[in-house]
PDB file of N, CA and C in Angstrom:
ATOM      1  N   MET A   1     186.723  53.615  42.125  1.00  0.00           N
ATOM      2  CA  MET A   1     186.662  52.666  43.224  1.00  0.00           C
ATOM      3  C   MET A   1     185.655  53.170  44.246  1.00  0.00           C
ATOM      4  N   PRO A   2     184.744  52.305  44.728  1.00  0.00           N
ATOM      5  CA  PRO A   2     183.730  52.739  45.679  1.00  0.00           C
ATOM      6  C   PRO A   2     184.320  53.013  47.053  1.00  0.00           C
ATOM      7  N   ARG A   3     183.605  53.839  47.826  1.00  0.00           N
ATOM      8  CA  ARG A   3     184.015  54.108  49.197  1.00  0.00           C
ATOM      9  C   ARG A   3     183.821  52.858  50.033  1.00  0.00           C
ATOM     10  N   PRO A   4     184.622  52.669  51.088  1.00  0.00           N
ATOM     11  CA  PRO A   4     184.420  51.531  51.978  1.00  0.00           C
ATOM     12  C   PRO A   4     183.013  51.577  52.563  1.00  0.00           C
ATOM     13  N   GLY A   5     182.390  50.420  52.655  1.00  0.00           N
ATOM     14  CA  GLY A   5     181.073  50.329  53.244  1.00  0.00           C
ATOM     15  C   GLY A   5     179.939  50.492  52.255  1.00  0.00           C
ATOM     16  N   THR A   6     180.258  50.751  50.995  1.00  0.00           N
ATOM     17  CA  THR A   6     179.200  50.889  50.004  1.00  0.00           C
ATOM     18  C   THR A   6     178.978  49.554  49.318  1.00  0.00           C
ATOM     19  N   ALA A   7     177.738  49.328  48.952  1.00  0.00           N
ATOM     20  CA  ALA A   7     177.408  48.091  48.246  1.00  0.00           C
ATOM     21  C   ALA A   7     177.862  48.221  46.804  1.00  0.00           C
ATOM     22  N   VAL A   8     178.419  47.168  46.273  1.00  0.00           N
ATOM     23  CA  VAL A   8     178.880  47.155  44.894  1.00  0.00           C
ATOM     24  C   VAL A   8     178.115  46.065  44.158  1.00  0.00           C
ATOM     25  N   PHE A   9     177.554  46.425  43.031  1.00  0.00           N
ATOM     26  CA  PHE A   9     176.837  45.464  42.223  1.00  0.00           C
ATOM     27  C   PHE A   9     177.676  45.191  40.983  1.00  0.00           C
ATOM     28  N   VAL A  10     178.088  43.943  40.825  1.00  0.00           N
ATOM     29  CA  VAL A  10     178.947  43.564  39.714  1.00  0.00           C
ATOM     30  C   VAL A  10     178.126  42.704  38.770  1.00  0.00           C
ATOM     31  N   TYR A  11     178.042  43.136  37.522  1.00  0.00           N
ATOM     32  CA  TYR A  11     177.290  42.385  36.536  1.00  0.00           C
ATOM     33  C   TYR A  11     178.241  41.887  35.462  1.00  0.00           C
ATOM     34  N   GLY A  12     178.096  40.644  35.104  1.00  0.00           N
ATOM     35  CA  GLY A  12     178.934  40.099  34.046  1.00  0.00           C
ATOM     36  C   GLY A  12     178.594  38.646  33.808  1.00  0.00           C
ATOM     37  N   MET A  13     178.538  38.245  32.592  1.00  0.00           N
ATOM     38  CA  MET A  13     178.272  36.867  32.203  1.00  0.00           C
ATOM     39  C   MET A  13     177.003  36.328  32.854  1.00  0.00           C
ATOM     40  N   GLY A  14     175.974  37.206  32.992  1.00  0.00           N
ATOM     41  CA  GLY A  14     174.696  36.750  33.511  1.00  0.00           C
ATOM     42  C   GLY A  14     174.652  36.555  35.006  1.00  0.00           C
ATOM     43  N   MET A  15     175.702  36.940  35.726  1.00  0.00           N
ATOM     44  CA  MET A  15     175.713  36.738  37.175  1.00  0.00           C
ATOM     45  C   MET A  15     175.843  38.087  37.869  1.00  0.00           C
ATOM     46  N   SER A  16     175.348  38.174  39.095  1.00  0.00           N
ATOM     47  CA  SER A  16     175.535  39.375  39.884  1.00  0.00           C
ATOM     48  C   SER A  16     176.000  38.981  41.276  1.00  0.00           C
ATOM     49  N   GLU A  17     176.808  39.819  41.865  1.00  0.00           N
ATOM     50  CA  GLU A  17     177.294  39.579  43.215  1.00  0.00           C
ATOM     51  C   GLU A  17     177.280  40.900  43.949  1.00  0.00           C
ATOM     52  N   GLU A  18     176.701  40.895  45.128  1.00  0.00           N
ATOM     53  CA  GLU A  18     176.673  42.090  45.952  1.00  0.00           C
ATOM     54  C   GLU A  18     177.739  41.947  47.021  1.00  0.00           C
ATOM     55  N   THR A  19     178.525  43.029  47.223  1.00  0.00           N
ATOM     56  CA  THR A  19     179.568  42.989  48.239  1.00  0.00           C
ATOM     57  C   THR A  19     179.534  44.255  49.070  1.00  0.00           C
ATOM     58  N   VAL A  20     180.013  44.163  50.296  1.00  0.00           N
ATOM     59  CA  VAL A  20     180.231  45.305  51.167  1.00  0.00           C
ATOM     60  C   VAL A  20     181.650  45.161  51.675  1.00  0.00           C
ATOM     61  N   ASP A  21     182.454  46.180  51.474  1.00  0.00           N
ATOM     62  CA  ASP A  21     183.874  46.132  51.841  1.00  0.00           C
ATOM     63  C   ASP A  21     184.574  44.930  51.217  1.00  0.00           C
ATOM     64  N   GLY A  22     184.146  44.554  50.013  1.00  0.00           N
ATOM     65  CA  GLY A  22     184.785  43.468  49.289  1.00  0.00           C
ATOM     66  C   GLY A  22     184.334  42.073  49.698  1.00  0.00           C
ATOM     67  N   ARG A  23     183.439  41.982  50.670  1.00  0.00           N
ATOM     68  CA  ARG A  23     182.950  40.667  51.122  1.00  0.00           C
ATOM     69  C   ARG A  23     181.554  40.425  50.570  1.00  0.00           C
ATOM     70  N   PRO A  24     181.267  39.205  50.131  1.00  0.00           N
ATOM     71  CA  PRO A  24     179.924  38.900  49.622  1.00  0.00           C
ATOM     72  C   PRO A  24     178.871  39.112  50.710  1.00  0.00           C
ATOM     73  N   VAL A  25     177.711  39.617  50.297  1.00  0.00           N
ATOM     74  CA  VAL A  25     176.590  39.803  51.217  1.00  0.00           C
ATOM     75  C   VAL A  25     175.736  38.541  51.176  1.00  0.00           C
ATOM     76  N   THR A  26     175.533  37.944  52.343  1.00  0.00           N
ATOM     77  CA  THR A  26     174.757  36.705  52.430  1.00  0.00           C
ATOM     78  C   THR A  26     173.290  37.012  52.714  1.00  0.00           C
ATOM     79  N   ASP A  27     172.440  36.021  52.474  1.00  0.00           N
ATOM     80  CA  ASP A  27     171.027  36.171  52.818  1.00  0.00           C
ATOM     81  C   ASP A  27     170.862  36.409  54.316  1.00  0.00           C
ATOM     82  N   GLN A  28     171.708  35.778  55.125  1.00  0.00           N
ATOM     83  CA  GLN A  28     171.639  35.966  56.575  1.00  0.00           C
ATOM     84  C   GLN A  28     171.967  37.413  56.954  1.00  0.00           C
ATOM     85  N   GLN A  29     172.941  38.021  56.275  1.00  0.00           N
ATOM     86  CA  GLN A  29     173.304  39.407  56.565  1.00  0.00           C
ATOM     87  C   GLN A  29     172.171  40.334  56.174  1.00  0.00           C
ATOM     88  N   ILE A  30     171.551  40.076  55.025  1.00  0.00           N
ATOM     89  CA  ILE A  30     170.419  40.895  54.590  1.00  0.00           C
ATOM     90  C   ILE A  30     169.277  40.794  55.590  1.00  0.00           C
ATOM     91  N   GLN A  31     169.015  39.587  56.082  1.00  0.00           N
ATOM     92  CA  GLN A  31     167.949  39.414  57.080  1.00  0.00           C
ATOM     93  C   GLN A  31     168.293  40.144  58.375  1.00  0.00           C
ATOM     94  N   ALA A  32     169.555  40.096  58.792  1.00  0.00           N
ATOM     95  CA  ALA A  32     169.972  40.809  60.004  1.00  0.00           C
ATOM     96  C   ALA A  32     169.778  42.312  59.839  1.00  0.00           C
ATOM     97  N   TRP A  33     170.115  42.841  58.671  1.00  0.00           N
ATOM     98  CA  TRP A  33     169.896  44.274  58.417  1.00  0.00           C
ATOM     99  C   TRP A  33     168.411  44.613  58.452  1.00  0.00           C
ATOM    100  N   ALA A  34     167.598  43.742  57.854  1.00  0.00           N
ATOM    101  CA  ALA A  34     166.154  43.983  57.848  1.00  0.00           C
ATOM    102  C   ALA A  34     165.596  43.952  59.268  1.00  0.00           C
ATOM    103  N   ASP A  35     166.028  42.982  60.069  1.00  0.00           N
ATOM    104  CA  ASP A  35     165.576  42.897  61.464  1.00  0.00           C
ATOM    105  C   ASP A  35     165.973  44.152  62.235  1.00  0.00           C
ATOM    106  N   GLU A  36     167.203  44.608  62.013  1.00  0.00           N
ATOM    107  CA  GLU A  36     167.696  45.811  62.684  1.00  0.00           C
ATOM    108  C   GLU A  36     166.860  47.033  62.289  1.00  0.00           C
ATOM    109  N   ALA A  37     166.547  47.144  61.007  1.00  0.00           N
ATOM    110  CA  ALA A  37     165.751  48.280  60.531  1.00  0.00           C
ATOM    111  C   ALA A  37     164.334  48.226  61.092  1.00  0.00           C
ATOM    112  N   GLU A  38     163.749  47.051  61.134  1.00  0.00           N
ATOM    113  CA  GLU A  38     162.390  46.913  61.651  1.00  0.00           C
ATOM    114  C   GLU A  38     162.310  47.234  63.132  1.00  0.00           C
ATOM    115  N   ALA A  39     163.389  46.961  63.863  1.00  0.00           N
ATOM    116  CA  ALA A  39     163.415  47.267  65.297  1.00  0.00           C
ATOM    117  C   ALA A  39     163.513  48.771  65.534  1.00  0.00           C
ATOM    118  N   GLY A  40     163.985  49.503  64.548  1.00  0.00           N
ATOM    119  CA  GLY A  40     164.109  50.957  64.668  1.00  0.00           C
ATOM    120  C   GLY A  40     165.525  51.360  65.032  1.00  0.00           C
ATOM    121  N   TYR A  41     165.855  52.605  64.676  1.00  0.00           N
ATOM    122  CA  TYR A  41     167.194  53.134  64.929  1.00  0.00           C
ATOM    123  C   TYR A  41     167.120  54.290  65.915  1.00  0.00           C
ATOM    124  N   ASP A  42     168.147  54.414  66.719  1.00  0.00           N
ATOM    125  CA  ASP A  42     168.298  55.590  67.573  1.00  0.00           C
ATOM    126  C   ASP A  42     168.895  56.675  66.685  1.00  0.00           C
ATOM    127  N   VAL A  43     168.074  57.624  66.276  1.00  0.00           N
ATOM    128  CA  VAL A  43     168.489  58.644  65.319  1.00  0.00           C
ATOM    129  C   VAL A  43     169.692  59.428  65.833  1.00  0.00           C
ATOM    130  N   SER A  44     169.801  59.631  67.134  1.00  0.00           N
ATOM    131  CA  SER A  44     170.927  60.407  67.671  1.00  0.00           C
ATOM    132  C   SER A  44     172.259  59.692  67.473  1.00  0.00           C
ATOM    133  N   ARG A  45     172.235  58.389  67.210  1.00  0.00           N
ATOM    134  CA  ARG A  45     173.474  57.641  67.021  1.00  0.00           C
ATOM    135  C   ARG A  45     173.858  57.477  65.560  1.00  0.00           C
ATOM    136  N   LEU A  46     172.980  57.908  64.647  1.00  0.00           N
ATOM    137  CA  LEU A  46     173.288  57.778  63.234  1.00  0.00           C
ATOM    138  C   LEU A  46     174.332  58.800  62.826  1.00  0.00           C
ATOM    139  N   ARG A  47     175.136  58.460  61.865  1.00  0.00           N
ATOM    140  CA  ARG A  47     176.190  59.344  61.357  1.00  0.00           C
ATOM    141  C   ARG A  47     175.542  60.483  60.591  1.00  0.00           C
ATOM    142  N   ARG A  48     176.002  61.698  60.883  1.00  0.00           N
ATOM    143  CA  ARG A  48     175.511  62.857  60.146  1.00  0.00           C
ATOM    144  C   ARG A  48     176.219  62.924  58.808  1.00  0.00           C
ATOM    145  N   ARG A  49     175.502  63.371  57.795  1.00  0.00           N
ATOM    146  CA  ARG A  49     176.071  63.484  56.468  1.00  0.00           C
ATOM    147  C   ARG A  49     176.401  64.934  56.181  1.00  0.00           C
ATOM    148  N   GLY A  50     177.325  65.120  55.278  1.00  0.00           N
ATOM    149  CA  GLY A  50     177.680  66.466  54.862  1.00  0.00           C
ATOM    150  C   GLY A  50     178.773  67.063  55.729  1.00  0.00           C
ATOM    151  N   ARG A  51     179.163  68.239  55.361  1.00  0.00           N
ATOM    152  CA  ARG A  51     180.221  68.924  56.094  1.00  0.00           C
ATOM    153  C   ARG A  51     179.674  69.557  57.354  1.00  0.00           C
ATOM    154  N   PRO A  52     180.492  69.615  58.394  1.00  0.00           N
ATOM    155  CA  PRO A  52     180.039  70.308  59.600  1.00  0.00           C
ATOM    156  C   PRO A  52     179.928  71.806  59.329  1.00  0.00           C
ATOM    157  N   THR A  53     179.063  72.471  60.096  1.00  0.00           N
ATOM    158  CA  THR A  53     178.938  73.908  59.915  1.00  0.00           C
ATOM    159  C   THR A  53     180.224  74.594  60.358  1.00  0.00           C
ATOM    160  N   ALA A  54     180.492  75.719  59.760  1.00  0.00           N
ATOM    161  CA  ALA A  54     181.691  76.499  60.092  1.00  0.00           C
ATOM    162  C   ALA A  54     181.212  77.837  60.638  1.00  0.00           C
ATOM    163  N   GLY A  55     180.876  77.863  61.908  1.00  0.00           N
ATOM    164  CA  GLY A  55     180.379  79.091  62.505  1.00  0.00           C
ATOM    165  C   GLY A  55     178.940  78.933  62.937  1.00  0.00           C
ATOM    166  N   ASP A  56     178.138  79.968  62.653  1.00  0.00           N
ATOM    167  CA  ASP A  56     176.754  80.004  63.120  1.00  0.00           C
ATOM    168  C   ASP A  56     175.793  79.168  62.290  1.00  0.00           C
ATOM    169  N   GLY A  57     176.175  78.726  61.150  1.00  0.00           N
ATOM    170  CA  GLY A  57     175.268  77.965  60.297  1.00  0.00           C
ATOM    171  C   GLY A  57     175.965  77.542  59.033  1.00  0.00           C
ATOM    172  N   PRO A  58     175.168  77.169  58.037  1.00  0.00           N
ATOM    173  CA  PRO A  58     175.775  76.740  56.773  1.00  0.00           C
ATOM    174  C   PRO A  58     176.641  77.842  56.176  1.00  0.00           C
ATOM    175  N   GLY A  59     177.743  77.458  55.599  1.00  0.00           N
ATOM    176  CA  GLY A  59     178.657  78.432  55.007  1.00  0.00           C
ATOM    177  C   GLY A  59     178.411  78.611  53.523  1.00  0.00           C
ATOM    178  N   THR A  60     178.964  79.674  53.003  1.00  0.00           N
ATOM    179  CA  THR A  60     178.910  79.960  51.579  1.00  0.00           C
ATOM    180  C   THR A  60     180.313  79.816  51.018  1.00  0.00           C
ATOM    181  N   PRO A  61     180.522  78.928  50.053  1.00  0.00           N
ATOM    182  CA  PRO A  61     181.856  78.801  49.463  1.00  0.00           C
ATOM    183  C   PRO A  61     182.248  80.109  48.775  1.00  0.00           C
ATOM    184  N   VAL A  62     183.492  80.520  48.997  1.00  0.00           N
ATOM    185  CA  VAL A  62     184.017  81.738  48.383  1.00  0.00           C
ATOM    186  C   VAL A  62     185.319  81.375  47.684  1.00  0.00           C
ATOM    187  N   PRO A  63     185.298  81.252  46.367  1.00  0.00           N
ATOM    188  CA  PRO A  63     186.523  80.914  45.643  1.00  0.00           C
ATOM    189  C   PRO A  63     187.538  82.055  45.758  1.00  0.00           C
ATOM    190  N   VAL A  64     188.770  81.709  46.031  1.00  0.00           N
ATOM    191  CA  VAL A  64     189.840  82.696  46.157  1.00  0.00           C
ATOM    192  C   VAL A  64     191.045  82.172  45.386  1.00  0.00           C
ATOM    193  N   ARG A  65     191.677  83.040  44.600  1.00  0.00           N
ATOM    194  CA  ARG A  65     192.890  82.654  43.881  1.00  0.00           C
ATOM    195  C   ARG A  65     194.108  83.106  44.679  1.00  0.00           C
ATOM    196  N   LEU A  66     195.047  82.187  44.864  1.00  0.00           N
ATOM    197  CA  LEU A  66     196.291  82.486  45.567  1.00  0.00           C
ATOM    198  C   LEU A  66     197.445  82.082  44.669  1.00  0.00           C
ATOM    199  N   ASP A  67     198.493  82.888  44.664  1.00  0.00           N
ATOM    200  CA  ASP A  67     199.663  82.484  43.887  1.00  0.00           C
ATOM    201  C   ASP A  67     200.393  81.369  44.639  1.00  0.00           C
ATOM    202  N   ALA A  68     201.338  80.746  43.988  1.00  0.00           N
ATOM    203  CA  ALA A  68     202.020  79.576  44.554  1.00  0.00           C
ATOM    204  C   ALA A  68     202.730  79.898  45.860  1.00  0.00           C
ATOM    205  N   THR A  69     203.337  81.079  45.959  1.00  0.00           N
ATOM    206  CA  THR A  69     204.067  81.455  47.173  1.00  0.00           C
ATOM    207  C   THR A  69     203.111  81.617  48.346  1.00  0.00           C
ATOM    208  N   LEU A  70     201.999  82.321  48.133  1.00  0.00           N
ATOM    209  CA  LEU A  70     201.030  82.542  49.205  1.00  0.00           C
ATOM    210  C   LEU A  70     200.352  81.238  49.608  1.00  0.00           C
ATOM    211  N   LEU A  71     200.035  80.394  48.640  1.00  0.00           N
ATOM    212  CA  LEU A  71     199.420  79.109  48.942  1.00  0.00           C
ATOM    213  C   LEU A  71     200.367  78.229  49.751  1.00  0.00           C
ATOM    214  N   ALA A  72     201.640  78.220  49.407  1.00  0.00           N
ATOM    215  CA  ALA A  72     202.625  77.428  50.157  1.00  0.00           C
ATOM    216  C   ALA A  72     202.751  77.946  51.582  1.00  0.00           C
ATOM    217  N   ALA A  73     202.769  79.264  51.744  1.00  0.00           N
ATOM    218  CA  ALA A  73     202.863  79.856  53.078  1.00  0.00           C
ATOM    219  C   ALA A  73     201.625  79.507  53.901  1.00  0.00           C
ATOM    220  N   LEU A  74     200.458  79.583  53.280  1.00  0.00           N
ATOM    221  CA  LEU A  74     199.214  79.227  53.962  1.00  0.00           C
ATOM    222  C   LEU A  74     199.240  77.765  54.392  1.00  0.00           C
ATOM    223  N   THR A  75     199.629  76.885  53.489  1.00  0.00           N
ATOM    224  CA  THR A  75     199.672  75.453  53.789  1.00  0.00           C
ATOM    225  C   THR A  75     200.650  75.164  54.919  1.00  0.00           C
ATOM    226  N   ASP A  76     201.842  75.764  54.862  1.00  0.00           N
ATOM    227  CA  ASP A  76     202.847  75.549  55.915  1.00  0.00           C
ATOM    228  C   ASP A  76     202.339  76.017  57.273  1.00  0.00           C
ATOM    229  N   ARG A  77     201.758  77.214  57.308  1.00  0.00           N
ATOM    230  CA  ARG A  77     201.267  77.762  58.581  1.00  0.00           C
ATOM    231  C   ARG A  77     200.123  76.914  59.111  1.00  0.00           C
ATOM    232  N   ALA A  78     199.210  76.522  58.252  1.00  0.00           N
ATOM    233  CA  ALA A  78     198.084  75.695  58.687  1.00  0.00           C
ATOM    234  C   ALA A  78     198.572  74.367  59.263  1.00  0.00           C
ATOM    235  N   GLU A  79     199.559  73.757  58.627  1.00  0.00           N
ATOM    236  CA  GLU A  79     200.107  72.498  59.138  1.00  0.00           C
ATOM    237  C   GLU A  79     200.772  72.699  60.492  1.00  0.00           C
ATOM    238  N   ARG A  80     201.523  73.786  60.639  1.00  0.00           N
ATOM    239  CA  ARG A  80     202.172  74.069  61.931  1.00  0.00           C
ATOM    240  C   ARG A  80     201.148  74.293  63.038  1.00  0.00           C
ATOM    241  N   GLU A  81     200.015  74.885  62.680  1.00  0.00           N
ATOM    242  CA  GLU A  81     198.961  75.177  63.658  1.00  0.00           C
ATOM    243  C   GLU A  81     197.975  74.008  63.801  1.00  0.00           C
ATOM    244  N   HIS A  82     198.215  72.906  63.077  1.00  0.00           N
ATOM    245  CA  HIS A  82     197.328  71.726  63.091  1.00  0.00           C
ATOM    246  C   HIS A  82     195.906  72.121  62.684  1.00  0.00           C
ATOM    247  N   MET A  83     195.819  72.861  61.591  1.00  0.00           N
ATOM    248  CA  MET A  83     194.542  73.321  61.054  1.00  0.00           C
ATOM    249  C   MET A  83     194.460  72.937  59.586  1.00  0.00           C
ATOM    250  N   THR A  84     193.238  72.942  59.076  1.00  0.00           N
ATOM    251  CA  THR A  84     193.088  72.821  57.635  1.00  0.00           C
ATOM    252  C   THR A  84     193.320  74.202  57.026  1.00  0.00           C
ATOM    253  N   ARG A  85     193.535  74.242  55.731  1.00  0.00           N
ATOM    254  CA  ARG A  85     193.680  75.550  55.082  1.00  0.00           C
ATOM    255  C   ARG A  85     192.418  76.381  55.242  1.00  0.00           C
ATOM    256  N   SER A  86     191.252  75.744  55.136  1.00  0.00           N
ATOM    257  CA  SER A  86     189.993  76.475  55.299  1.00  0.00           C
ATOM    258  C   SER A  86     189.885  77.071  56.696  1.00  0.00           C
ATOM    259  N   GLU A  87     190.252  76.294  57.712  1.00  0.00           N
ATOM    260  CA  GLU A  87     190.214  76.820  59.078  1.00  0.00           C
ATOM    261  C   GLU A  87     191.164  78.001  59.237  1.00  0.00           C
ATOM    262  N   ALA A  88     192.350  77.895  58.635  1.00  0.00           N
ATOM    263  CA  ALA A  88     193.330  78.983  58.719  1.00  0.00           C
ATOM    264  C   ALA A  88     192.818  80.239  58.018  1.00  0.00           C
ATOM    265  N   ILE A  89     192.197  80.072  56.861  1.00  0.00           N
ATOM    266  CA  ILE A  89     191.644  81.231  56.141  1.00  0.00           C
ATOM    267  C   ILE A  89     190.542  81.877  56.966  1.00  0.00           C
ATOM    268  N   ARG A  90     189.641  81.074  57.544  1.00  0.00           N
ATOM    269  CA  ARG A  90     188.573  81.637  58.372  1.00  0.00           C
ATOM    270  C   ARG A  90     189.143  82.378  59.569  1.00  0.00           C
ATOM    271  N   ALA A  91     190.174  81.813  60.207  1.00  0.00           N
ATOM    272  CA  ALA A  91     190.796  82.482  61.353  1.00  0.00           C
ATOM    273  C   ALA A  91     191.411  83.818  60.933  1.00  0.00           C
ATOM    274  N   ALA A  92     192.068  83.839  59.782  1.00  0.00           N
ATOM    275  CA  ALA A  92     192.687  85.078  59.302  1.00  0.00           C
ATOM    276  C   ALA A  92     191.629  86.135  58.987  1.00  0.00           C
ATOM    277  N   VAL A  93     190.529  85.722  58.355  1.00  0.00           N
ATOM    278  CA  VAL A  93     189.467  86.674  58.022  1.00  0.00           C
ATOM    279  C   VAL A  93     188.812  87.189  59.298  1.00  0.00           C
ATOM    280  N   ARG A  94     188.586  86.306  60.271  1.00  0.00           N
ATOM    281  CA  ARG A  94     188.018  86.761  61.561  1.00  0.00           C
ATOM    282  C   ARG A  94     188.924  87.791  62.222  1.00  0.00           C
ATOM    283  N   ALA A  95     190.231  87.527  62.227  1.00  0.00           N
ATOM    284  CA  ALA A  95     191.168  88.479  62.841  1.00  0.00           C
ATOM    285  C   ALA A  95     191.181  89.801  62.095  1.00  0.00           C
ATOM    286  N   TRP A  96     191.122  89.762  60.789  1.00  0.00           N
ATOM    287  CA  TRP A  96     191.166  90.970  59.974  1.00  0.00           C
ATOM    288  C   TRP A  96     189.901  91.805  60.104  1.00  0.00           C
ATOM    289  N   THR A  97     188.729  91.097  60.226  1.00  0.00           N
ATOM    290  CA  THR A  97     187.439  91.806  60.323  1.00  0.00           C
ATOM    291  C   THR A  97     187.019  92.050  61.771  1.00  0.00           C
ATOM    292  N   HIS A  98     187.767  91.508  62.718  1.00  0.00           N
ATOM    293  CA  HIS A  98     187.463  91.639  64.148  1.00  0.00           C
ATOM    294  C   HIS A  98     186.132  90.989  64.514  1.00  0.00           C
ATOM    295  N   VAL A  99     185.803  89.884  63.846  1.00  0.00           N
ATOM    296  CA  VAL A  99     184.601  89.110  64.157  1.00  0.00           C
ATOM    297  C   VAL A  99     185.028  87.898  64.972  1.00  0.00           C
ATOM    298  N   ALA A 100     184.348  87.673  66.076  1.00  0.00           N
ATOM    299  CA  ALA A 100     184.721  86.560  66.967  1.00  0.00           C
ATOM    300  C   ALA A 100     184.327  85.227  66.399  1.00  0.00           C
TER     301      ALA A 100
END
């Protein structure tokens, strides 16, 4: 299933239909998008893609194996602290290494 806001092209029986969020895209909508693009975009208002940086710059994924008990404890603590598991792991590593 496509993400909301993505265009879907459906082909079948010689017909095609373009939709956004399940609604057909009209010629008027396409023209409005073209007019908007030709007028230019404020780049500072565009949505950034990708994950936010975690610290001083891009992060390096580090695979770690946890047994079921440790993973459950991590998940419970992260939920209590209103953090993601990744945020909780980074906080624990910072505390252990004494890096701010």
